C-alpha atoms as a PDB file:
ATOM      1  CA  MET A   1     -56.607 -21.958 -18.611  1.00  0.00           C
ATOM      2  CA  THR A   2     -59.550 -22.111 -21.001  1.00  0.00           C
ATOM      3  CA  ASP A   3     -61.248 -25.491 -21.273  1.00  0.00           C
ATOM      4  CA  TYR A   4     -61.565 -25.992 -25.029  1.00  0.00           C
ATOM      5  CA  TYR A   5     -63.923 -28.945 -24.556  1.00  0.00           C
ATOM      6  CA  GLN A   6     -66.306 -26.694 -22.704  1.00  0.00           C
ATOM      7  CA  VAL A   7     -65.936 -23.934 -25.346  1.00  0.00           C
ATOM      8  CA  LEU A   8     -67.034 -26.364 -28.052  1.00  0.00           C
ATOM      9  CA  GLY A   9     -69.549 -28.142 -25.815  1.00  0.00           C
ATOM     10  CA  VAL A  10     -68.086 -31.655 -26.259  1.00  0.00           C
ATOM     11  CA  THR A  11     -66.812 -34.293 -23.893  1.00  0.00           C
ATOM     12  CA  ARG A  12     -63.140 -35.098 -23.489  1.00  0.00           C
ATOM     13  CA  GLN A  13     -63.691 -38.430 -25.271  1.00  0.00           C
ATOM     14  CA  ALA A  14     -65.287 -36.757 -28.341  1.00  0.00           C
ATOM     15  CA  ALA A  15     -64.197 -38.067 -31.719  1.00  0.00           C
ATOM     16  CA  GLY A  16     -62.928 -35.842 -34.495  1.00  0.00           C
ATOM     17  CA  ASN A  17     -66.286 -35.711 -36.328  1.00  0.00           C
ATOM     18  CA  GLU A  18     -68.066 -34.623 -33.153  1.00  0.00           C
ATOM     19  CA  ILE A  19     -65.568 -31.822 -32.622  1.00  0.00           C
ATOM     20  CA  ARG A  20     -65.938 -30.731 -36.227  1.00  0.00           C
ATOM     21  CA  GLN A  21     -69.749 -30.674 -36.019  1.00  0.00           C
ATOM     22  CA  ALA A  22     -69.711 -28.684 -32.780  1.00  0.00           C
ATOM     23  CA  TYR A  23     -67.171 -26.230 -34.258  1.00  0.00           C
ATOM     24  CA  ARG A  24     -69.243 -25.679 -37.447  1.00  0.00           C
ATOM     25  CA  LYS A  25     -72.430 -25.128 -35.465  1.00  0.00           C
ATOM     26  CA  LEU A  26     -70.842 -22.594 -33.122  1.00  0.00           C
ATOM     27  CA  ALA A  27     -68.826 -20.880 -35.876  1.00  0.00           C
ATOM     28  CA  LYS A  28     -71.999 -20.204 -37.871  1.00  0.00           C
ATOM     29  CA  ARG A  29     -73.671 -18.824 -34.781  1.00  0.00           C
ATOM     30  CA  PHE A  30     -70.837 -16.499 -33.641  1.00  0.00           C
ATOM     31  CA  HIS A  31     -69.156 -15.594 -36.943  1.00  0.00           C
ATOM     32  CA  PRO A  32     -68.356 -11.821 -37.178  1.00  0.00           C
ATOM     33  CA  ASP A  33     -70.204 -11.584 -40.509  1.00  0.00           C
ATOM     34  CA  VAL A  34     -73.386 -12.836 -38.837  1.00  0.00           C
ATOM     35  CA  ASN A  35     -72.883 -10.569 -35.781  1.00  0.00           C
ATOM     36  CA  PRO A  36     -71.478  -7.289 -37.196  1.00  0.00           C
ATOM     37  CA  GLY A  37     -70.362  -4.790 -34.545  1.00  0.00           C
ATOM     38  CA  ASN A  38     -70.706  -7.329 -31.688  1.00  0.00           C
ATOM     39  CA  PRO A  39     -67.305  -7.543 -29.933  1.00  0.00           C
ATOM     40  CA  ASP A  40     -68.532 -10.331 -27.616  1.00  0.00           C
ATOM     41  CA  ALA A  41     -69.407 -12.527 -30.582  1.00  0.00           C
ATOM     42  CA  ALA A  42     -66.027 -11.805 -32.203  1.00  0.00           C
ATOM     43  CA  LEU A  43     -64.206 -12.808 -29.002  1.00  0.00           C
ATOM     44  CA  LYS A  44     -66.294 -15.965 -28.668  1.00  0.00           C
ATOM     45  CA  PHE A  45     -65.590 -16.792 -32.337  1.00  0.00           C
ATOM     46  CA  LYS A  46     -61.843 -16.494 -31.738  1.00  0.00           C
ATOM     47  CA  GLN A  47     -62.103 -18.822 -28.766  1.00  0.00           C
ATOM     48  CA  ILE A  48     -64.056 -21.335 -30.854  1.00  0.00           C
ATOM     49  CA  VAL A  49     -61.475 -21.240 -33.659  1.00  0.00           C
ATOM     50  CA  GLU A  50     -58.601 -21.675 -31.145  1.00  0.00           C
ATOM     51  CA  ALA A  51     -60.340 -24.560 -29.470  1.00  0.00           C
ATOM     52  CA  TYR A  52     -61.031 -26.248 -32.815  1.00  0.00           C
ATOM     53  CA  GLU A  53     -57.461 -25.819 -34.053  1.00  0.00           C
ATOM     54  CA  THR A  54     -56.118 -27.369 -30.833  1.00  0.00           C
ATOM     55  CA  LEU A  55     -58.548 -30.247 -30.546  1.00  0.00           C
ATOM     56  CA  SER A  56     -58.661 -31.196 -34.222  1.00  0.00           C
ATOM     57  CA  ASP A  57     -54.882 -31.692 -34.425  1.00  0.00           C
ATOM     58  CA  GLU A  58     -54.008 -34.968 -32.656  1.00  0.00           C
ATOM     59  CA  ALA A  59     -50.551 -33.865 -31.511  1.00  0.00           C
ATOM     60  CA  LYS A  60     -51.862 -30.503 -30.188  1.00  0.00           C
ATOM     61  CA  ARG A  61     -54.753 -32.290 -28.479  1.00  0.00           C
ATOM     62  CA  ILE A  62     -52.435 -34.693 -26.617  1.00  0.00           C
ATOM     63  CA  ALA A  63     -50.264 -31.819 -25.442  1.00  0.00           C
ATOM     64  CA  TYR A  64     -53.339 -29.822 -24.409  1.00  0.00           C
ATOM     65  CA  ASP A  65     -54.800 -32.806 -22.505  1.00  0.00           C
ATOM     66  CA  GLU A  66     -51.489 -33.195 -20.635  1.00  0.00           C
ATOM     67  CA  ARG A  67     -51.437 -29.547 -19.683  1.00  0.00           C
ATOM     68  CA  LEU A  68     -55.105 -29.739 -18.637  1.00  0.00           C
ATOM     69  CA  ALA A  69     -54.349 -32.773 -16.452  1.00  0.00           C
ATOM     70  CA  GLN A  70     -51.495 -30.801 -14.791  1.00  0.00           C
ATOM     71  CA  GLY A  71     -53.839 -27.937 -13.981  1.00  0.00           C
ATOM     72  CA  GLY A  72     -52.764 -25.672 -16.829  1.00  0.00           C
ATOM     73  CA  LYS A  73     -49.119 -25.394 -15.764  1.00  0.00           C
ATOM     74  CA  ARG A  74     -46.598 -25.461 -18.590  1.00  0.00           C
ATOM     75  CA  THR A  75     -43.530 -27.519 -17.892  1.00  0.00           C
ATOM     76  CA  SER A  76     -40.324 -27.503 -19.881  1.00  0.00           C
ATOM     77  CA  GLU A  77     -41.451 -30.645 -21.617  1.00  0.00           C
ATOM     78  CA  SER A  78     -44.817 -29.220 -22.706  1.00  0.00           C
ATOM     79  CA  LYS A  79     -43.114 -26.107 -24.128  1.00  0.00           C
ATOM     80  CA  LYS A  80     -41.331 -28.230 -26.695  1.00  0.00           C
ATOM     81  CA  SER A  81     -43.037 -28.842 -30.000  1.00  0.00           C
ATOM     82  CA  PRO A  82     -44.511 -32.319 -30.102  1.00  0.00           C
ATOM     83  CA  VAL A  83     -43.716 -32.642 -33.796  1.00  0.00           C
ATOM     84  CA  GLU A  84     -40.369 -32.058 -35.507  1.00  0.00           C
ATOM     85  CA  PRO A  85     -40.428 -29.308 -38.099  1.00  0.00           C
ATOM     86  CA  SER A  86     -40.907 -30.836 -41.511  1.00  0.00           C
ATOM     87  CA  GLY A  87     -38.643 -30.073 -44.425  1.00  0.00           C
ATOM     88  CA  GLY A  88     -36.643 -27.503 -42.537  1.00  0.00           C
ATOM     89  CA  ASN A  89     -32.939 -27.338 -41.909  1.00  0.00           C
ATOM     90  CA  VAL A  90     -32.485 -29.346 -38.709  1.00  0.00           C
ATOM     91  CA  LYS A  91     -29.157 -27.729 -37.976  1.00  0.00           C
ATOM     92  CA  ALA A  92     -30.725 -24.258 -38.289  1.00  0.00           C
ATOM     93  CA  SER A  93     -33.677 -25.156 -36.068  1.00  0.00           C
ATOM     94  CA  GLN A  94     -31.297 -26.396 -33.337  1.00  0.00           C
ATOM     95  CA  GLY A  95     -30.102 -22.907 -32.581  1.00  0.00           C
ATOM     96  CA  SER A  96     -27.548 -21.782 -35.119  1.00  0.00           C
ATOM     97  CA  HIS A  97     -26.196 -18.317 -34.443  1.00  0.00           C
ATOM     98  CA  PHE A  98     -26.541 -15.322 -36.731  1.00  0.00           C
ATOM     99  CA  ASP A  99     -23.365 -14.585 -38.718  1.00  0.00           C
ATOM    100  CA  PRO A 100     -23.462 -11.346 -40.706  1.00  0.00           C
ATOM    101  CA  THR A 101     -20.499 -12.344 -42.889  1.00  0.00           C
ATOM    102  CA  ARG A 102     -22.402 -15.366 -44.073  1.00  0.00           C
ATOM    103  CA  VAL A 103     -25.406 -13.203 -44.971  1.00  0.00           C
ATOM    104  CA  GLN A 104     -23.233 -11.043 -47.190  1.00  0.00           C
ATOM    105  CA  GLU A 105     -21.874 -14.162 -48.899  1.00  0.00           C
ATOM    106  CA  GLN A 106     -25.366 -15.493 -49.576  1.00  0.00           C
ATOM    107  CA  PHE A 107     -26.543 -12.118 -50.862  1.00  0.00           C
ATOM    108  CA  ALA A 108     -23.528 -11.937 -53.218  1.00  0.00           C
ATOM    109  CA  GLN A 109     -24.113 -15.512 -54.340  1.00  0.00           C
ATOM    110  CA  PHE A 110     -27.755 -14.851 -55.189  1.00  0.00           C
ATOM    111  CA  PHE A 111     -27.524 -11.400 -56.716  1.00  0.00           C
ATOM    112  CA  GLY A 112     -23.988 -11.483 -58.095  1.00  0.00           C
ATOM    113  CA  LYS A 113     -23.091  -8.305 -56.220  1.00  0.00           C
ATOM    114  CA  THR A 114     -22.320  -7.438 -52.620  1.00  0.00           C
ATOM    115  CA  PRO A 115     -24.826  -5.368 -50.690  1.00  0.00           C
ATOM    116  CA  LYS A 116     -22.647  -2.293 -51.313  1.00  0.00           C
ATOM    117  CA  GLY A 117     -22.863  -2.765 -55.088  1.00  0.00           C
ATOM    118  CA  GLN A 118     -19.439  -4.237 -55.812  1.00  0.00           C
ATOM    119  CA  THR A 119     -19.319  -7.110 -58.226  1.00  0.00           C
ATOM    120  CA  ASP A 120     -18.727 -10.462 -56.581  1.00  0.00           C
ATOM    121  CA  THR A 121     -15.704 -12.032 -58.244  1.00  0.00           C
ATOM    122  CA  LYS A 122     -16.454 -15.500 -56.941  1.00  0.00           C
ATOM    123  CA  SER A 123     -19.814 -15.743 -58.748  1.00  0.00           C
ATOM    124  CA  ASN A 124     -18.247 -14.387 -61.928  1.00  0.00           C
ATOM    125  CA  GLN A 125     -15.655 -17.100 -61.796  1.00  0.00           C
ATOM    126  CA  LYS A 126     -18.349 -19.738 -61.442  1.00  0.00           C
ATOM    127  CA  GLY A 127     -19.701 -18.786 -64.900  1.00  0.00           C
ATOM    128  CA  ALA A 128     -22.301 -16.138 -64.101  1.00  0.00           C
ATOM    129  CA  LYS A 129     -22.576 -13.671 -66.958  1.00  0.00           C
ATOM    130  CA  ALA A 130     -21.249 -10.221 -66.039  1.00  0.00           C
ATOM    131  CA  GLY A 131     -24.265  -8.315 -67.403  1.00  0.00           C
ATOM    132  CA  ASN A 132     -26.934 -10.421 -65.780  1.00  0.00           C
ATOM    133  CA  PRO A 133     -25.989 -12.639 -62.787  1.00  0.00           C
ATOM    134  CA  LEU A 134     -29.485 -14.174 -62.778  1.00  0.00           C
ATOM    135  CA  ASP A 135     -29.444 -15.093 -66.460  1.00  0.00           C
ATOM    136  CA  THR A 136     -31.700 -18.129 -67.021  1.00  0.00           C
ATOM    137  CA  SER A 137     -31.416 -18.340 -70.755  1.00  0.00           C
ATOM    138  CA  ASP A 138     -29.336 -21.519 -70.584  1.00  0.00           C
ATOM    139  CA  MET A 139     -31.999 -23.236 -68.510  1.00  0.00           C
ATOM    140  CA  PHE A 140     -34.786 -21.981 -70.815  1.00  0.00           C
ATOM    141  CA  GLU A 141     -32.905 -23.261 -73.888  1.00  0.00           C
ATOM    142  CA  HIS A 142     -32.360 -26.638 -72.228  1.00  0.00           C
ATOM    143  CA  PHE A 143     -36.037 -27.188 -71.373  1.00  0.00           C
ATOM    144  CA  MET A 144     -37.569 -25.583 -74.433  1.00  0.00           C
ATOM    145  CA  GLY A 145     -35.253 -27.342 -76.894  1.00  0.00           C
ATOM    146  CA  TYR A 146     -33.978 -24.131 -78.479  1.00  0.00           C
ATOM    147  CA  ARG A 147     -30.332 -24.262 -79.486  1.00  0.00           C
ATOM    148  CA  LYS A 148     -28.113 -21.365 -80.494  1.00  0.00           C
ATOM    149  CA  LYS A 149     -26.398 -21.742 -83.857  1.00  0.00           C
END
């Protein structure tokens, strides 16, 4: 397991600003634009970026420190994400199964037609215009203040 603290040349107790300064110094030195055609510098730059991304994020740093203390072994607890996904569908992230019939329903709901080109009668019954299922003229008229006479 790579020691990110050693890669950046900081101590394990280093504060965020120390990590940032070490990253910037090393990134300028090993950046591929500064060292064109040098594969060793490109590899070192990737390690520096990976180390900075891990150590600059508090949750990732805590998980990394735990793995480092265990000798680099990943346990089932350390495989879990330390932070819940934000804004996502929690039910979907908890392992919902793929259902092809539901995909067809969503496709028909969005486009007004089934994937095979047949008109979806459910969306037409909900008020979608037959010629253009994605007609936004009503919304435009509402927000722009234009009214049909």
